[in-house]
Amino acid sequence: MSNRDKAYRAVQILLTITAFEFFGPIVRDFNASHAWNPDWDPHARFHLVWQLATMGMSGVANVWLIWFRRPFDVSNLWLSVFWQITTIGGFWVSCLLMPVYAGRVTMPNVHMYIFGIDENIVVFTILGAFLIGAIALLARTPRAFAAR
């Protein structure tokens, strides 16, 4: 395996780890505190389930791009990168806009704290760092490649 292929494999692994962002909310939010929360307006629950379904399908599509689309093309990895930027970036935009829509990252008695920081902030910081690592590695890897 060439150094370029090793770099691509490392990017594939990093992007697979960051693709967990698509599945985490399904596991975390498809429950009585969110999707079946009787205090939420039914239309808000509809939007949540729609978002979770979209995220799940996006996760499957990302994993397919990263590992299974043939012939292998580095543009598949870049497409996954930009797709994941929209999701991780969307999280951070929603955090920044919380004062505008009176939102909160933390739901009392639902979210955990890691070293006093909400689990979502911790997880999305780690995922963001891994994604930045994948971007840096991909950007410095020569574009020429052989079909696999």
Protein backbone atom coordinates (compact mmCIF):
# COMPACT_ATOMS: atom_id res chain seq x y z
CA MET A 1 0.00 0.00 0.00
CA SER A 2 1.45 3.36 -1.05
CA ASN A 3 1.73 6.35 1.29
CA ARG A 4 -1.09 8.01 -0.65
CA ASP A 5 -3.31 4.95 -0.17
CA LYS A 6 -2.44 4.90 3.54
CA ALA A 7 -3.42 8.56 3.79
CA TYR A 8 -6.72 7.85 2.05
CA ARG A 9 -7.35 4.91 4.39
CA ALA A 10 -6.69 7.17 7.40
CA VAL A 11 -9.16 9.71 5.98
CA GLN A 12 -11.73 6.95 5.46
CA ILE A 13 -11.35 5.90 9.10
CA LEU A 14 -11.61 9.47 10.39
CA LEU A 15 -14.67 10.17 8.23
CA THR A 16 -16.29 6.94 9.42
CA ILE A 17 -15.80 8.01 13.03
CA THR A 18 -17.23 11.46 12.31
CA ALA A 19 -20.15 9.86 10.43
CA PHE A 20 -21.37 8.67 13.84
CA GLU A 21 -22.76 12.22 14.10
CA PHE A 22 -25.58 11.06 11.84
CA PHE A 23 -26.57 8.12 14.04
CA GLY A 24 -26.02 9.49 17.56
CA PRO A 25 -29.11 11.70 17.64
CA ILE A 26 -31.29 8.79 16.50
CA VAL A 27 -30.12 6.73 19.46
CA ARG A 28 -30.23 9.67 21.84
CA ASP A 29 -33.46 11.44 20.79
CA PHE A 30 -35.90 8.74 19.64
CA ASN A 31 -37.41 8.35 23.08
CA ALA A 32 -39.85 9.83 25.60
CA SER A 33 -37.70 12.90 26.24
CA HIS A 34 -37.84 13.98 22.61
CA ALA A 35 -39.82 12.12 19.89
CA TRP A 36 -42.57 10.94 22.26
CA ASN A 37 -42.47 13.89 24.64
CA PRO A 38 -46.14 14.73 25.39
CA ASP A 39 -45.17 18.33 26.20
CA TRP A 40 -43.95 18.90 22.66
CA ASP A 41 -46.33 20.03 19.97
CA PRO A 42 -47.09 17.08 17.63
CA HIS A 43 -45.81 19.10 14.68
CA ALA A 44 -42.48 19.69 16.48
CA ARG A 45 -42.22 15.92 17.07
CA PHE A 46 -42.91 15.38 13.35
CA HIS A 47 -40.02 17.69 12.47
CA LEU A 48 -37.72 15.89 14.91
CA VAL A 49 -38.50 12.45 13.47
CA TRP A 50 -38.07 13.86 9.95
CA GLN A 51 -34.67 15.24 10.96
CA LEU A 52 -33.65 11.95 12.57
CA ALA A 53 -34.70 9.96 9.48
CA THR A 54 -32.80 12.37 7.23
CA MET A 55 -29.72 12.08 9.44
CA GLY A 56 -29.89 8.28 9.43
CA MET A 57 -30.16 8.13 5.65
CA SER A 58 -27.34 10.68 5.35
CA GLY A 59 -25.19 8.50 7.57
CA VAL A 60 -25.80 5.43 5.42
CA ALA A 61 -25.06 7.45 2.27
CA ASN A 62 -21.83 8.79 3.81
CA VAL A 63 -20.59 5.34 4.79
CA TRP A 64 -21.35 4.16 1.23
CA LEU A 65 -19.40 7.09 -0.23
CA ILE A 66 -16.47 6.51 2.09
CA TRP A 67 -16.13 2.74 1.68
CA PHE A 68 -18.23 1.21 -1.06
CA ARG A 69 -18.69 3.55 -4.06
CA ARG A 70 -16.73 2.20 -7.00
CA PRO A 71 -14.54 3.01 -8.67
CA PHE A 72 -12.78 4.69 -5.77
CA ASP A 73 -12.40 8.41 -6.33
CA VAL A 74 -11.02 10.95 -3.87
CA SER A 75 -13.99 13.19 -4.71
CA ASN A 76 -16.15 10.71 -2.74
CA LEU A 77 -14.16 11.58 0.37
CA TRP A 78 -14.45 15.30 -0.30
CA LEU A 79 -18.21 14.96 -0.79
CA SER A 80 -18.46 13.18 2.56
CA VAL A 81 -16.36 15.94 4.15
CA PHE A 82 -18.64 18.71 2.90
CA TRP A 83 -21.77 16.76 3.78
CA GLN A 84 -20.47 16.26 7.31
CA ILE A 85 -19.51 19.94 7.58
CA THR A 86 -23.17 20.80 7.00
CA THR A 87 -24.25 18.64 9.92
CA ILE A 88 -21.49 19.53 12.38
CA GLY A 89 -21.66 23.15 11.25
CA GLY A 90 -25.44 23.11 11.65
CA PHE A 91 -25.01 22.04 15.27
CA TRP A 92 -22.65 24.96 15.95
CA VAL A 93 -24.90 27.44 14.11
CA SER A 94 -27.84 26.30 16.24
CA CYS A 95 -25.67 26.84 19.34
CA LEU A 96 -24.72 30.34 18.23
CA LEU A 97 -28.34 31.24 17.44
CA MET A 98 -29.78 30.00 20.76
CA PRO A 99 -30.31 33.58 22.04
CA VAL A 100 -32.41 34.32 18.95
CA TYR A 101 -34.81 31.40 19.35
CA ALA A 102 -34.53 30.91 23.15
CA GLY A 103 -32.97 27.47 22.78
CA ARG A 104 -30.78 25.36 25.03
CA VAL A 105 -28.23 22.66 24.31
CA THR A 106 -28.95 20.92 27.59
CA MET A 107 -32.23 19.27 28.49
CA PRO A 108 -32.48 18.96 32.27
CA ASN A 109 -32.39 15.39 33.58
CA VAL A 110 -31.60 14.04 30.12
CA HIS A 111 -28.12 15.17 29.11
CA MET A 112 -24.93 14.23 30.89
CA TYR A 113 -22.04 16.50 31.72
CA ILE A 114 -18.43 15.61 31.04
CA PHE A 115 -16.06 17.67 33.19
CA GLY A 116 -18.93 20.14 33.68
CA ILE A 117 -19.58 20.51 29.94
CA ASP A 118 -22.72 19.30 28.18
CA GLU A 119 -22.18 15.97 26.40
CA ASN A 120 -23.29 17.46 23.05
CA ILE A 121 -20.64 20.18 23.20
CA VAL A 122 -17.96 17.62 24.10
CA VAL A 123 -18.97 15.14 21.40
CA PHE A 124 -19.33 17.72 18.63
CA THR A 125 -15.99 19.30 19.60
CA ILE A 126 -14.30 15.89 19.27
CA LEU A 127 -16.12 15.11 16.01
CA GLY A 128 -15.19 18.54 14.67
CA ALA A 129 -11.53 17.97 15.55
CA PHE A 130 -11.55 14.59 13.78
CA LEU A 131 -13.19 16.16 10.74
CA ILE A 132 -10.58 18.93 10.67
CA GLY A 133 -7.92 16.21 10.86
CA ALA A 134 -9.49 14.39 7.90
CA ILE A 135 -9.62 17.64 5.92
CA ALA A 136 -5.97 18.45 6.69
CA LEU A 137 -4.82 14.98 5.70
CA LEU A 138 -6.93 14.94 2.56
CA ALA A 139 -5.78 18.44 1.53
CA ARG A 140 -2.11 17.53 1.74
CA THR A 141 -2.46 14.17 -0.03
CA PRO A 142 -1.67 14.25 -3.76
CA ARG A 143 -4.82 14.26 -5.87
CA ALA A 144 -3.56 11.66 -8.33
CA PHE A 145 -4.86 8.21 -7.52
CA ALA A 146 -5.36 4.82 -9.00
CA ALA A 147 -8.80 3.28 -9.24
CA ARG A 148 -9.23 0.52 -6.68
